[in-house]
Amino acid sequence: SAPETEAFEDAEECARVLADAMSLKKSAVDYMHPEVGVTAADGACFGRNYFNRYSAPETEEDEFADERAEILEEAAALKKSAVDYMHPEVGVTATDATLFGRNYFNRYSAPETEEDEFADERAEIMEEAAALKKLATDFMHPEVGVTATDATLFGRNYFNRYSAPETEDIEDAEEHACVLADAMALKKSAA
């Protein structure tokens, strides 16, 4: 009896599986032992980095260059705003032709255009604004105090004065009545 032999296709499949297992084992070993390092003997793996050499001119990455440009733009805009704020005497200068025109509503010869409804509404709004300002002032300055001369604002509290008879709450009165009833029941049982 002769030993069994594998078919050619089975042998190829077995060789492929073993090669996959070997490459997986090599990957696992490389992952578990990073201290070993990578060894390569292929000539295409070696090269010179022309960007990080000492004699290379200094370059900046695109992200940093874009960010630097944005920061400088914002700083220039902030400086312009600060100068405009600190020096209002300079004024606003503009050369756009669409900014110049005639205002037909505010010219001297223009008729008064406010209607009575709007005038009344404006007066109401001004009254409400004055009342709100007074309330805000009263709130923000409590040290000023309240001044009033209306006789109905002054009164006497008859419940919390020193000479007022002492009163009990409903709960206290009910508990007091229960204690007295218990005392009477004990007195009867003792007699």
C-alpha atoms as a PDB file:
ATOM      1  CA  SER A   1       0.000   0.000   0.000  1.00  0.00           C
ATOM      2  CA  ALA A   2       1.428   3.297  -1.198  1.00  0.00           C
ATOM      3  CA  PRO A   3       1.188   6.544   0.842  1.00  0.00           C
ATOM      4  CA  GLU A   4      -1.641   8.871  -0.114  1.00  0.00           C
ATOM      5  CA  THR A   5      -0.634  11.808  -2.254  1.00  0.00           C
ATOM      6  CA  GLU A   6      -2.368  15.116  -2.513  1.00  0.00           C
ATOM      7  CA  ALA A   7      -3.804  16.373  -5.702  1.00  0.00           C
ATOM      8  CA  PHE A   8      -1.932  19.235  -7.368  1.00  0.00           C
ATOM      9  CA  GLU A   9      -4.751  21.745  -6.650  1.00  0.00           C
ATOM     10  CA  ASP A  10      -4.902  20.762  -2.989  1.00  0.00           C
ATOM     11  CA  ALA A  11      -1.138  21.205  -2.665  1.00  0.00           C
ATOM     12  CA  GLU A  12      -1.333  24.715  -4.147  1.00  0.00           C
ATOM     13  CA  GLU A  13      -4.180  25.665  -1.806  1.00  0.00           C
ATOM     14  CA  CYS A  14      -2.237  24.333   1.174  1.00  0.00           C
ATOM     15  CA  ALA A  15       0.856  26.314   0.145  1.00  0.00           C
ATOM     16  CA  ARG A  16      -1.223  29.516  -0.175  1.00  0.00           C
ATOM     17  CA  VAL A  17      -2.766  29.006   3.263  1.00  0.00           C
ATOM     18  CA  LEU A  18       0.648  28.403   4.835  1.00  0.00           C
ATOM     19  CA  ALA A  19       2.079  31.518   3.147  1.00  0.00           C
ATOM     20  CA  ASP A  20      -0.833  33.597   4.485  1.00  0.00           C
ATOM     21  CA  ALA A  21      -0.286  32.167   7.963  1.00  0.00           C
ATOM     22  CA  MET A  22       3.434  33.038   7.799  1.00  0.00           C
ATOM     23  CA  SER A  23       2.728  36.630   6.713  1.00  0.00           C
ATOM     24  CA  LEU A  24       0.114  36.995   9.511  1.00  0.00           C
ATOM     25  CA  LYS A  25       2.639  35.649  12.038  1.00  0.00           C
ATOM     26  CA  LYS A  26       5.261  38.147  10.802  1.00  0.00           C
ATOM     27  CA  SER A  27       2.735  41.025  11.125  1.00  0.00           C
ATOM     28  CA  ALA A  28       1.778  39.900  14.647  1.00  0.00           C
ATOM     29  CA  VAL A  29       5.433  39.706  15.713  1.00  0.00           C
ATOM     30  CA  ASP A  30       6.159  43.140  14.227  1.00  0.00           C
ATOM     31  CA  TYR A  31       3.149  44.574  16.064  1.00  0.00           C
ATOM     32  CA  MET A  32       3.978  42.953  19.414  1.00  0.00           C
ATOM     33  CA  HIS A  33       7.710  43.835  19.272  1.00  0.00           C
ATOM     34  CA  PRO A  34       8.132  47.386  17.954  1.00  0.00           C
ATOM     35  CA  GLU A  35      11.576  47.585  19.552  1.00  0.00           C
ATOM     36  CA  VAL A  36      12.981  45.253  16.862  1.00  0.00           C
ATOM     37  CA  GLY A  37      12.565  47.902  14.183  1.00  0.00           C
ATOM     38  CA  VAL A  38      12.246  47.609  10.422  1.00  0.00           C
ATOM     39  CA  THR A  39      15.013  46.161   8.301  1.00  0.00           C
ATOM     40  CA  ALA A  40      15.036  46.614   4.559  1.00  0.00           C
ATOM     41  CA  ALA A  41      17.645  45.855   1.964  1.00  0.00           C
ATOM     42  CA  ASP A  42      15.788  47.114  -1.096  1.00  0.00           C
ATOM     43  CA  GLY A  43      17.608  50.018  -2.767  1.00  0.00           C
ATOM     44  CA  ALA A  44      14.335  51.760  -3.588  1.00  0.00           C
ATOM     45  CA  CYS A  45      13.669  52.162   0.154  1.00  0.00           C
ATOM     46  CA  PHE A  46      16.569  54.564   0.633  1.00  0.00           C
ATOM     47  CA  GLY A  47      16.439  58.152  -0.507  1.00  0.00           C
ATOM     48  CA  ARG A  48      17.290  61.679   0.425  1.00  0.00           C
ATOM     49  CA  ASN A  49      14.736  64.087   1.849  1.00  0.00           C
ATOM     50  CA  TYR A  50      15.342  67.379   0.113  1.00  0.00           C
ATOM     51  CA  PHE A  51      12.802  69.203   2.289  1.00  0.00           C
ATOM     52  CA  ASN A  52      14.209  68.474   5.760  1.00  0.00           C
ATOM     53  CA  ARG A  53      17.934  68.740   5.032  1.00  0.00           C
ATOM     54  CA  TYR A  54      19.899  71.455   6.808  1.00  0.00           C
ATOM     55  CA  SER A  55      20.651  73.400   3.633  1.00  0.00           C
ATOM     56  CA  ALA A  56      17.001  73.464   2.495  1.00  0.00           C
ATOM     57  CA  PRO A  57      15.260  76.859   2.633  1.00  0.00           C
ATOM     58  CA  GLU A  58      12.723  77.171   5.445  1.00  0.00           C
ATOM     59  CA  THR A  59       9.197  76.462   4.229  1.00  0.00           C
ATOM     60  CA  GLU A  60       5.846  76.660   5.905  1.00  0.00           C
ATOM     61  CA  GLU A  61       2.979  74.233   5.508  1.00  0.00           C
ATOM     62  CA  ASP A  62      -0.060  75.433   3.580  1.00  0.00           C
ATOM     63  CA  GLU A  63      -2.342  75.197   6.611  1.00  0.00           C
ATOM     64  CA  PHE A  64      -0.046  77.375   8.718  1.00  0.00           C
ATOM     65  CA  ALA A  65       0.500  79.846   5.880  1.00  0.00           C
ATOM     66  CA  ASP A  66      -3.268  80.220   5.353  1.00  0.00           C
ATOM     67  CA  GLU A  67      -3.864  80.579   9.072  1.00  0.00           C
ATOM     68  CA  ARG A  68      -1.071  83.167   9.360  1.00  0.00           C
ATOM     69  CA  ALA A  69      -2.623  85.163   6.503  1.00  0.00           C
ATOM     70  CA  GLU A  70      -6.070  85.068   8.163  1.00  0.00           C
ATOM     71  CA  ILE A  71      -4.611  86.168  11.499  1.00  0.00           C
ATOM     72  CA  LEU A  72      -2.770  89.071   9.874  1.00  0.00           C
ATOM     73  CA  GLU A  73      -5.961  90.120   8.043  1.00  0.00           C
ATOM     74  CA  GLU A  74      -7.963  90.047  11.280  1.00  0.00           C
ATOM     75  CA  ALA A  75      -5.244  91.994  13.101  1.00  0.00           C
ATOM     76  CA  ALA A  76      -5.274  94.663  10.373  1.00  0.00           C
ATOM     77  CA  ALA A  77      -9.081  94.913  10.575  1.00  0.00           C
ATOM     78  CA  LEU A  78      -8.938  95.192  14.378  1.00  0.00           C
ATOM     79  CA  LYS A  79      -6.265  97.886  14.123  1.00  0.00           C
ATOM     80  CA  LYS A  80      -8.429  99.828  11.664  1.00  0.00           C
ATOM     81  CA  SER A  81     -11.449  99.527  13.983  1.00  0.00           C
ATOM     82  CA  ALA A  82      -9.358 100.679  16.962  1.00  0.00           C
ATOM     83  CA  VAL A  83      -8.019 103.680  15.043  1.00  0.00           C
ATOM     84  CA  ASP A  84     -11.539 104.585  13.865  1.00  0.00           C
ATOM     85  CA  TYR A  85     -12.813 104.339  17.446  1.00  0.00           C
ATOM     86  CA  MET A  86      -9.964 106.271  19.044  1.00  0.00           C
ATOM     87  CA  HIS A  87      -9.868 109.005  16.380  1.00  0.00           C
ATOM     88  CA  PRO A  88     -13.435 109.949  15.420  1.00  0.00           C
ATOM     89  CA  GLU A  89     -12.173 113.302  14.164  1.00  0.00           C
ATOM     90  CA  VAL A  90     -10.713 111.566  11.108  1.00  0.00           C
ATOM     91  CA  GLY A  91     -14.181 110.833   9.758  1.00  0.00           C
ATOM     92  CA  VAL A  92     -15.341 108.353   7.169  1.00  0.00           C
ATOM     93  CA  THR A  93     -13.952 108.477   3.658  1.00  0.00           C
ATOM     94  CA  ALA A  94     -15.623 106.744   0.749  1.00  0.00           C
ATOM     95  CA  THR A  95     -15.202 106.926  -3.006  1.00  0.00           C
ATOM     96  CA  ASP A  96     -18.055 104.677  -4.130  1.00  0.00           C
ATOM     97  CA  ALA A  97     -20.369 106.618  -6.450  1.00  0.00           C
ATOM     98  CA  THR A  98     -23.441 104.830  -5.089  1.00  0.00           C
ATOM     99  CA  LEU A  99     -22.821 106.341  -1.660  1.00  0.00           C
ATOM    100  CA  PHE A 100     -23.477 109.858  -2.860  1.00  0.00           C
ATOM    101  CA  GLY A 101     -26.988 110.991  -3.528  1.00  0.00           C
ATOM    102  CA  ARG A 102     -29.648 113.468  -2.596  1.00  0.00           C
ATOM    103  CA  ASN A 103     -31.944 112.810   0.331  1.00  0.00           C
ATOM    104  CA  TYR A 104     -35.375 114.030  -0.682  1.00  0.00           C
ATOM    105  CA  PHE A 105     -36.850 113.428   2.783  1.00  0.00           C
ATOM    106  CA  ASN A 106     -34.506 115.535   4.915  1.00  0.00           C
ATOM    107  CA  ARG A 107     -34.031 118.515   2.594  1.00  0.00           C
ATOM    108  CA  TYR A 108     -35.094 121.929   3.872  1.00  0.00           C
ATOM    109  CA  SER A 109     -37.957 122.282   1.427  1.00  0.00           C
ATOM    110  CA  ALA A 110     -39.456 118.855   2.273  1.00  0.00           C
ATOM    111  CA  PRO A 111     -42.860 118.996   4.004  1.00  0.00           C
ATOM    112  CA  GLU A 112     -43.323 117.563   7.495  1.00  0.00           C
ATOM    113  CA  THR A 113     -44.423 113.971   6.961  1.00  0.00           C
ATOM    114  CA  GLU A 114     -45.257 112.653  10.429  1.00  0.00           C
ATOM    115  CA  GLU A 115     -48.922 111.769  10.874  1.00  0.00           C
ATOM    116  CA  ASP A 116     -50.972 112.323  14.015  1.00  0.00           C
ATOM    117  CA  GLU A 117     -51.158 108.588  14.787  1.00  0.00           C
ATOM    118  CA  PHE A 118     -47.393 108.319  14.763  1.00  0.00           C
ATOM    119  CA  ALA A 119     -47.022 111.466  16.857  1.00  0.00           C
ATOM    120  CA  ASP A 120     -49.401 110.053  19.492  1.00  0.00           C
ATOM    121  CA  GLU A 121     -47.628 106.719  19.449  1.00  0.00           C
ATOM    122  CA  ARG A 122     -44.263 108.476  19.793  1.00  0.00           C
ATOM    123  CA  ALA A 123     -45.563 110.382  22.848  1.00  0.00           C
ATOM    124  CA  GLU A 124     -46.791 107.135  24.452  1.00  0.00           C
ATOM    125  CA  ILE A 125     -43.478 105.438  23.775  1.00  0.00           C
ATOM    126  CA  MET A 126     -41.588 108.354  25.313  1.00  0.00           C
ATOM    127  CA  GLU A 127     -43.817 108.219  28.433  1.00  0.00           C
ATOM    128  CA  GLU A 128     -43.256 104.461  28.765  1.00  0.00           C
ATOM    129  CA  ALA A 129     -39.509 104.933  28.290  1.00  0.00           C
ATOM    130  CA  ALA A 130     -39.460 107.600  31.028  1.00  0.00           C
ATOM    131  CA  ALA A 131     -41.379 105.281  33.375  1.00  0.00           C
ATOM    132  CA  LEU A 132     -38.988 102.418  32.617  1.00  0.00           C
ATOM    133  CA  LYS A 133     -36.028 104.706  33.229  1.00  0.00           C
ATOM    134  CA  LYS A 134     -37.482 105.714  36.604  1.00  0.00           C
ATOM    135  CA  LEU A 135     -38.005 102.052  37.537  1.00  0.00           C
ATOM    136  CA  ALA A 136     -34.460 101.172  36.475  1.00  0.00           C
ATOM    137  CA  THR A 137     -33.069 104.079  38.493  1.00  0.00           C
ATOM    138  CA  ASP A 138     -35.085 103.035  41.546  1.00  0.00           C
ATOM    139  CA  PHE A 139     -33.843  99.464  41.180  1.00  0.00           C
ATOM    140  CA  MET A 140     -30.192 100.362  40.667  1.00  0.00           C
ATOM    141  CA  HIS A 141     -30.111 102.947  43.498  1.00  0.00           C
ATOM    142  CA  PRO A 142     -31.980 101.536  46.511  1.00  0.00           C
ATOM    143  CA  GLU A 143     -30.118 103.952  48.785  1.00  0.00           C
ATOM    144  CA  VAL A 144     -32.280 106.806  47.475  1.00  0.00           C
ATOM    145  CA  GLY A 145     -35.350 105.400  49.205  1.00  0.00           C
ATOM    146  CA  VAL A 146     -39.041 105.829  48.489  1.00  0.00           C
ATOM    147  CA  THR A 147     -40.735 109.166  48.999  1.00  0.00           C
ATOM    148  CA  ALA A 148     -44.526 109.239  49.188  1.00  0.00           C
ATOM    149  CA  THR A 149     -47.107 111.611  50.679  1.00  0.00           C
ATOM    150  CA  ASP A 150     -50.290 109.631  50.040  1.00  0.00           C
ATOM    151  CA  ALA A 151     -52.131 109.014  53.341  1.00  0.00           C
ATOM    152  CA  THR A 152     -53.303 105.581  52.247  1.00  0.00           C
ATOM    153  CA  LEU A 153     -49.704 104.361  52.094  1.00  0.00           C
ATOM    154  CA  PHE A 154     -49.201 104.711  55.830  1.00  0.00           C
ATOM    155  CA  GLY A 155     -50.817 102.219  58.150  1.00  0.00           C
ATOM    156  CA  ARG A 156     -50.354 100.158  61.272  1.00  0.00           C
ATOM    157  CA  ASN A 157     -49.938  96.423  61.426  1.00  0.00           C
ATOM    158  CA  TYR A 158     -52.300  95.296  64.156  1.00  0.00           C
ATOM    159  CA  PHE A 159     -51.173  91.661  63.987  1.00  0.00           C
ATOM    160  CA  ASN A 160     -47.433  92.009  64.611  1.00  0.00           C
ATOM    161  CA  ARG A 161     -47.397  94.865  67.134  1.00  0.00           C
ATOM    162  CA  TYR A 162     -46.036  94.207  70.628  1.00  0.00           C
ATOM    163  CA  SER A 163     -49.343  94.856  72.374  1.00  0.00           C
ATOM    164  CA  ALA A 164     -51.319  92.503  70.086  1.00  0.00           C
ATOM    165  CA  PRO A 165     -52.768  89.387  71.779  1.00  0.00           C
ATOM    166  CA  GLU A 166     -50.802  86.245  70.978  1.00  0.00           C
ATOM    167  CA  THR A 167     -52.504  84.070  68.368  1.00  0.00           C
ATOM    168  CA  GLU A 168     -51.943  80.433  67.505  1.00  0.00           C
ATOM    169  CA  ASP A 169     -51.802  78.752  64.143  1.00  0.00           C
ATOM    170  CA  ILE A 170     -54.597  76.294  63.295  1.00  0.00           C
ATOM    171  CA  GLU A 171     -52.217  73.336  63.535  1.00  0.00           C
ATOM    172  CA  ASP A 172     -50.942  74.478  66.939  1.00  0.00           C
ATOM    173  CA  ALA A 173     -54.505  75.033  68.169  1.00  0.00           C
ATOM    174  CA  GLU A 174     -55.567  71.525  67.071  1.00  0.00           C
ATOM    175  CA  GLU A 175     -52.518  69.969  68.755  1.00  0.00           C
ATOM    176  CA  HIS A 176     -53.214  71.989  71.894  1.00  0.00           C
ATOM    177  CA  ALA A 177     -56.826  70.723  71.962  1.00  0.00           C
ATOM    178  CA  CYS A 178     -55.643  67.089  71.540  1.00  0.00           C
ATOM    179  CA  VAL A 179     -53.173  67.442  74.429  1.00  0.00           C
ATOM    180  CA  LEU A 180     -55.894  68.901  76.673  1.00  0.00           C
ATOM    181  CA  ALA A 181     -58.313  66.074  75.739  1.00  0.00           C
ATOM    182  CA  ASP A 182     -55.613  63.467  76.560  1.00  0.00           C
ATOM    183  CA  ALA A 183     -54.986  65.182  79.896  1.00  0.00           C
ATOM    184  CA  MET A 184     -58.691  65.126  80.741  1.00  0.00           C
ATOM    185  CA  ALA A 185     -58.902  61.418  79.845  1.00  0.00           C
ATOM    186  CA  LEU A 186     -55.915  60.641  82.101  1.00  0.00           C
ATOM    187  CA  LYS A 187     -57.456  62.686  84.910  1.00  0.00           C
ATOM    188  CA  LYS A 188     -60.726  60.718  84.664  1.00  0.00           C
ATOM    189  CA  SER A 189     -58.939  57.376  84.596  1.00  0.00           C
ATOM    190  CA  ALA A 190     -56.862  58.360  87.645  1.00  0.00           C
ATOM    191  CA  ALA A 191     -59.904  59.333  89.665  1.00  0.00           C
END
